[in-house]
N, C-alpha and C. Protein backbone atom coordinates (compact mmCIF):
# COMPACT_ATOMS: atom_id res chain seq x y z
N UNK A 1 0.84 -1.17 -0.01
CA UNK A 1 -0.01 0.01 0.02
C UNK A 1 0.92 1.25 0.00
N UNK A 2 0.65 2.15 -0.91
CA UNK A 2 1.55 3.35 -0.99
C UNK A 2 1.42 4.25 0.22
N UNK A 3 2.50 4.95 0.50
CA UNK A 3 2.52 5.96 1.55
C UNK A 3 1.95 7.26 0.96
N UNK A 4 1.10 7.92 1.78
CA UNK A 4 0.54 9.21 1.36
C UNK A 4 0.87 10.23 2.42
N UNK A 5 0.57 11.46 2.15
CA UNK A 5 0.61 12.53 3.17
C UNK A 5 -0.83 12.96 3.42
N UNK A 6 -1.19 13.08 4.70
CA UNK A 6 -2.51 13.55 5.06
C UNK A 6 -2.35 14.66 6.04
N UNK A 7 -2.82 15.84 5.71
CA UNK A 7 -2.83 16.99 6.62
C UNK A 7 -4.21 17.09 7.22
N UNK A 8 -4.25 17.22 8.56
CA UNK A 8 -5.55 17.39 9.22
C UNK A 8 -5.50 18.62 10.13
N UNK A 9 -6.57 19.38 10.04
CA UNK A 9 -6.77 20.53 10.92
C UNK A 9 -8.12 20.33 11.59
N UNK A 10 -8.10 20.24 12.90
CA UNK A 10 -9.32 20.13 13.67
C UNK A 10 -9.51 21.45 14.40
N UNK A 11 -10.66 22.05 14.17
CA UNK A 11 -10.97 23.32 14.78
C UNK A 11 -12.12 23.05 15.77
N UNK A 12 -11.80 23.00 17.08
CA UNK A 12 -12.87 22.73 18.04
C UNK A 12 -13.64 23.99 18.38
N UNK A 13 -14.92 23.79 18.66
CA UNK A 13 -15.74 24.89 19.10
C UNK A 13 -16.32 24.51 20.49
N UNK A 14 -16.15 25.41 21.42
CA UNK A 14 -16.66 25.21 22.77
C UNK A 14 -17.02 26.54 23.39
N UNK A 15 -18.09 26.57 24.10
CA UNK A 15 -18.49 27.79 24.82
C UNK A 15 -17.70 28.00 26.10
N UNK A 16 -17.09 26.93 26.60
CA UNK A 16 -16.43 27.02 27.91
C UNK A 16 -14.94 26.63 27.95
N UNK A 17 -14.47 25.95 26.92
CA UNK A 17 -13.09 25.43 26.92
C UNK A 17 -12.23 26.15 25.90
N UNK A 18 -10.95 26.33 26.23
CA UNK A 18 -9.99 26.91 25.32
C UNK A 18 -9.67 25.90 24.22
N UNK A 19 -9.44 26.36 23.02
CA UNK A 19 -9.26 25.46 21.88
C UNK A 19 -7.92 24.72 21.87
N UNK A 20 -6.84 25.40 22.36
CA UNK A 20 -5.50 24.76 22.27
C UNK A 20 -5.40 23.45 23.05
N UNK A 21 -5.88 23.34 24.27
CA UNK A 21 -5.84 22.08 24.95
C UNK A 21 -6.67 21.02 24.27
N UNK A 22 -7.73 21.41 23.61
CA UNK A 22 -8.57 20.44 22.84
C UNK A 22 -7.77 19.92 21.64
N UNK A 23 -7.12 20.82 20.92
CA UNK A 23 -6.28 20.40 19.79
C UNK A 23 -5.13 19.50 20.26
N UNK A 24 -4.62 19.77 21.44
CA UNK A 24 -3.53 18.94 22.00
C UNK A 24 -3.98 17.49 22.17
N UNK A 25 -5.27 17.27 22.43
CA UNK A 25 -5.81 15.89 22.56
C UNK A 25 -5.69 15.17 21.23
N UNK A 26 -5.95 15.86 20.15
CA UNK A 26 -5.88 15.25 18.82
C UNK A 26 -4.42 14.94 18.49
N UNK A 27 -3.51 15.85 18.79
CA UNK A 27 -2.10 15.66 18.51
C UNK A 27 -1.57 14.48 19.33
N UNK A 28 -2.02 14.32 20.55
CA UNK A 28 -1.61 13.20 21.40
C UNK A 28 -2.00 11.86 20.79
N UNK A 29 -3.17 11.79 20.20
CA UNK A 29 -3.61 10.58 19.52
C UNK A 29 -2.67 10.27 18.34
N UNK A 30 -2.36 11.29 17.57
CA UNK A 30 -1.49 11.11 16.40
C UNK A 30 -0.10 10.71 16.86
N UNK A 31 0.44 11.34 17.89
CA UNK A 31 1.77 11.01 18.38
C UNK A 31 1.84 9.58 18.91
N UNK A 32 0.78 9.11 19.55
CA UNK A 32 0.73 7.78 20.10
C UNK A 32 0.59 6.69 19.02
N UNK A 33 0.18 7.09 17.85
CA UNK A 33 -0.07 6.13 16.76
C UNK A 33 1.17 5.49 16.20
N UNK A 34 2.31 6.19 16.34
CA UNK A 34 3.56 5.64 15.80
C UNK A 34 3.84 6.02 14.36
N UNK A 35 2.94 6.73 13.66
CA UNK A 35 3.22 7.14 12.32
C UNK A 35 4.11 8.37 12.32
N UNK A 36 4.80 8.59 11.20
CA UNK A 36 5.59 9.82 11.06
C UNK A 36 4.61 11.00 10.94
N UNK A 37 4.89 12.06 11.70
CA UNK A 37 4.02 13.23 11.67
C UNK A 37 4.80 14.49 11.96
N UNK A 38 4.21 15.63 11.60
CA UNK A 38 4.84 16.93 11.88
C UNK A 38 3.70 17.88 12.24
N UNK A 39 3.85 18.57 13.36
CA UNK A 39 2.88 19.58 13.76
C UNK A 39 3.32 20.92 13.18
N UNK A 40 2.39 21.61 12.55
CA UNK A 40 2.66 22.95 12.02
C UNK A 40 1.67 23.90 12.70
N UNK A 41 1.83 25.21 12.52
CA UNK A 41 0.88 26.12 13.15
C UNK A 41 -0.57 25.95 12.73
N UNK A 42 -0.82 25.38 11.56
CA UNK A 42 -2.22 25.30 11.07
C UNK A 42 -2.75 23.89 10.94
N UNK A 43 -1.90 22.90 10.88
CA UNK A 43 -2.36 21.53 10.72
C UNK A 43 -1.27 20.57 11.17
N UNK A 44 -1.65 19.30 11.30
CA UNK A 44 -0.68 18.26 11.56
C UNK A 44 -0.64 17.36 10.32
N UNK A 45 0.53 17.11 9.82
CA UNK A 45 0.70 16.29 8.64
C UNK A 45 1.23 14.92 9.04
N UNK A 46 0.58 13.86 8.53
CA UNK A 46 1.00 12.49 8.82
C UNK A 46 1.43 11.84 7.52
N UNK A 47 2.26 10.79 7.66
CA UNK A 47 2.72 10.00 6.51
C UNK A 47 2.50 8.53 6.81
N UNK A 48 1.88 7.82 5.83
CA UNK A 48 1.63 6.40 5.98
C UNK A 48 0.58 5.95 5.03
N UNK A 49 0.12 4.71 5.17
CA UNK A 49 -0.96 4.20 4.32
C UNK A 49 -2.27 4.93 4.59
N UNK A 50 -2.99 5.18 3.51
CA UNK A 50 -4.22 5.98 3.63
C UNK A 50 -5.21 5.43 4.63
N UNK A 51 -5.48 4.15 4.63
CA UNK A 51 -6.46 3.54 5.55
C UNK A 51 -6.03 3.77 6.99
N UNK A 52 -4.74 3.60 7.26
CA UNK A 52 -4.24 3.79 8.65
C UNK A 52 -4.39 5.27 9.08
N UNK A 53 -4.03 6.16 8.18
CA UNK A 53 -4.11 7.60 8.52
C UNK A 53 -5.51 8.07 8.74
N UNK A 54 -6.45 7.56 7.92
CA UNK A 54 -7.85 7.96 8.12
C UNK A 54 -8.38 7.41 9.45
N UNK A 55 -7.97 6.24 9.84
CA UNK A 55 -8.40 5.67 11.14
C UNK A 55 -7.83 6.51 12.29
N UNK A 56 -6.58 6.95 12.16
CA UNK A 56 -5.99 7.81 13.18
C UNK A 56 -6.72 9.13 13.24
N UNK A 57 -7.04 9.68 12.09
CA UNK A 57 -7.74 10.97 12.02
C UNK A 57 -9.09 10.86 12.75
N UNK A 58 -9.79 9.76 12.54
CA UNK A 58 -11.08 9.52 13.21
C UNK A 58 -10.92 9.49 14.72
N UNK A 59 -9.88 8.79 15.19
CA UNK A 59 -9.61 8.70 16.63
C UNK A 59 -9.27 10.11 17.18
N UNK A 60 -8.53 10.88 16.41
CA UNK A 60 -8.19 12.26 16.85
C UNK A 60 -9.43 13.11 16.97
N UNK A 61 -10.34 13.02 16.02
CA UNK A 61 -11.61 13.75 16.07
C UNK A 61 -12.40 13.31 17.32
N UNK A 62 -12.49 12.03 17.55
CA UNK A 62 -13.25 11.52 18.67
C UNK A 62 -12.66 11.99 20.01
N UNK A 63 -11.32 12.09 20.07
CA UNK A 63 -10.65 12.54 21.29
C UNK A 63 -10.97 13.98 21.60
N UNK A 64 -11.07 14.81 20.59
CA UNK A 64 -11.43 16.22 20.84
C UNK A 64 -12.86 16.35 21.31
N UNK A 65 -13.77 15.58 20.71
CA UNK A 65 -15.17 15.62 21.17
C UNK A 65 -15.28 15.06 22.58
N UNK A 66 -14.54 13.97 22.88
CA UNK A 66 -14.59 13.38 24.21
C UNK A 66 -14.00 14.31 25.27
N UNK A 67 -13.11 15.20 24.86
CA UNK A 67 -12.50 16.16 25.81
C UNK A 67 -13.39 17.34 26.08
N UNK A 68 -14.56 17.43 25.42
CA UNK A 68 -15.48 18.45 25.76
C UNK A 68 -15.86 19.45 24.69
N UNK A 69 -15.32 19.31 23.49
CA UNK A 69 -15.70 20.22 22.41
C UNK A 69 -17.17 20.06 22.12
N UNK A 70 -17.86 21.18 21.88
CA UNK A 70 -19.28 21.12 21.52
C UNK A 70 -19.45 20.63 20.07
N UNK A 71 -18.53 21.01 19.25
CA UNK A 71 -18.49 20.55 17.85
C UNK A 71 -17.10 20.78 17.32
N UNK A 72 -16.83 20.19 16.16
CA UNK A 72 -15.50 20.37 15.51
C UNK A 72 -15.71 20.60 14.01
N UNK A 73 -14.81 21.40 13.48
CA UNK A 73 -14.69 21.51 12.02
C UNK A 73 -13.38 20.80 11.69
N UNK A 74 -13.44 19.94 10.66
CA UNK A 74 -12.28 19.15 10.30
C UNK A 74 -11.97 19.38 8.85
N UNK A 75 -10.71 19.70 8.58
CA UNK A 75 -10.24 19.93 7.22
C UNK A 75 -9.11 18.96 6.90
N UNK A 76 -9.26 18.25 5.81
CA UNK A 76 -8.24 17.31 5.37
C UNK A 76 -7.62 17.77 4.05
N UNK A 77 -6.32 17.47 3.91
CA UNK A 77 -5.62 17.63 2.61
C UNK A 77 -4.78 16.40 2.48
N UNK A 78 -4.85 15.79 1.30
CA UNK A 78 -4.10 14.59 1.04
C UNK A 78 -3.35 14.67 -0.27
N UNK A 79 -2.16 14.10 -0.29
CA UNK A 79 -1.43 13.93 -1.53
C UNK A 79 -1.25 12.41 -1.72
N UNK A 80 -1.69 11.93 -2.85
CA UNK A 80 -1.68 10.50 -3.16
C UNK A 80 -1.12 10.33 -4.56
N UNK A 81 -0.17 9.45 -4.74
CA UNK A 81 0.35 9.15 -6.08
C UNK A 81 -0.07 7.74 -6.50
N UNK A 82 -0.32 7.55 -7.76
CA UNK A 82 -0.73 6.26 -8.26
C UNK A 82 0.41 5.23 -8.26
N UNK A 83 1.64 5.71 -8.47
CA UNK A 83 2.73 4.75 -8.75
C UNK A 83 3.87 4.80 -7.76
N UNK A 84 3.84 5.68 -6.77
CA UNK A 84 4.95 5.73 -5.81
C UNK A 84 4.53 6.45 -4.53
N UNK A 85 5.36 6.28 -3.52
CA UNK A 85 5.08 6.89 -2.22
C UNK A 85 5.22 8.42 -2.25
N UNK A 86 4.54 9.07 -1.33
CA UNK A 86 4.68 10.50 -1.09
C UNK A 86 5.42 10.63 0.26
N UNK A 87 6.39 11.51 0.33
CA UNK A 87 7.06 11.70 1.60
C UNK A 87 7.11 13.19 1.95
N UNK A 88 7.06 13.47 3.24
CA UNK A 88 7.19 14.87 3.69
C UNK A 88 8.58 15.36 3.41
N UNK A 89 9.57 14.51 3.60
CA UNK A 89 10.98 14.93 3.42
C UNK A 89 11.28 15.45 2.03
N UNK A 90 10.72 14.80 1.03
CA UNK A 90 11.02 15.22 -0.35
C UNK A 90 10.55 16.66 -0.60
N UNK A 91 9.54 17.07 0.14
CA UNK A 91 8.98 18.42 -0.05
C UNK A 91 9.69 19.45 0.84
N UNK A 92 10.11 19.03 2.00
CA UNK A 92 10.67 20.01 2.96
C UNK A 92 12.19 20.01 3.04
N UNK A 93 12.85 18.92 2.71
CA UNK A 93 14.30 18.80 2.86
C UNK A 93 15.07 19.93 2.17
N UNK A 94 14.69 20.34 0.97
CA UNK A 94 15.45 21.42 0.31
C UNK A 94 15.38 22.75 1.05
N UNK A 95 14.46 22.91 1.96
CA UNK A 95 14.27 24.16 2.65
C UNK A 95 14.77 24.16 4.09
N UNK A 96 15.44 23.10 4.44
CA UNK A 96 15.97 23.00 5.82
C UNK A 96 17.46 23.06 5.86
């Protein structure tokens, strides 16, 4: 199964809770998953098989709701190639 990149941004909405600790719950799920990931100011990007990443994304969403968010907005961006893997390093290495 080819490796893809999946960027996820979860925007929690709550009348009583600050959003950053809620987002931290999602990042904790991603970190515990064991996949390669990178946190950026606007989204977290993961690398791995699409089915695995989508399952992790679902768990991250559920974690934010379980932590008390009233609702969430979720934005996904994916890069998928038909014939080879996608890696974060190939895109960012030249700029580091």
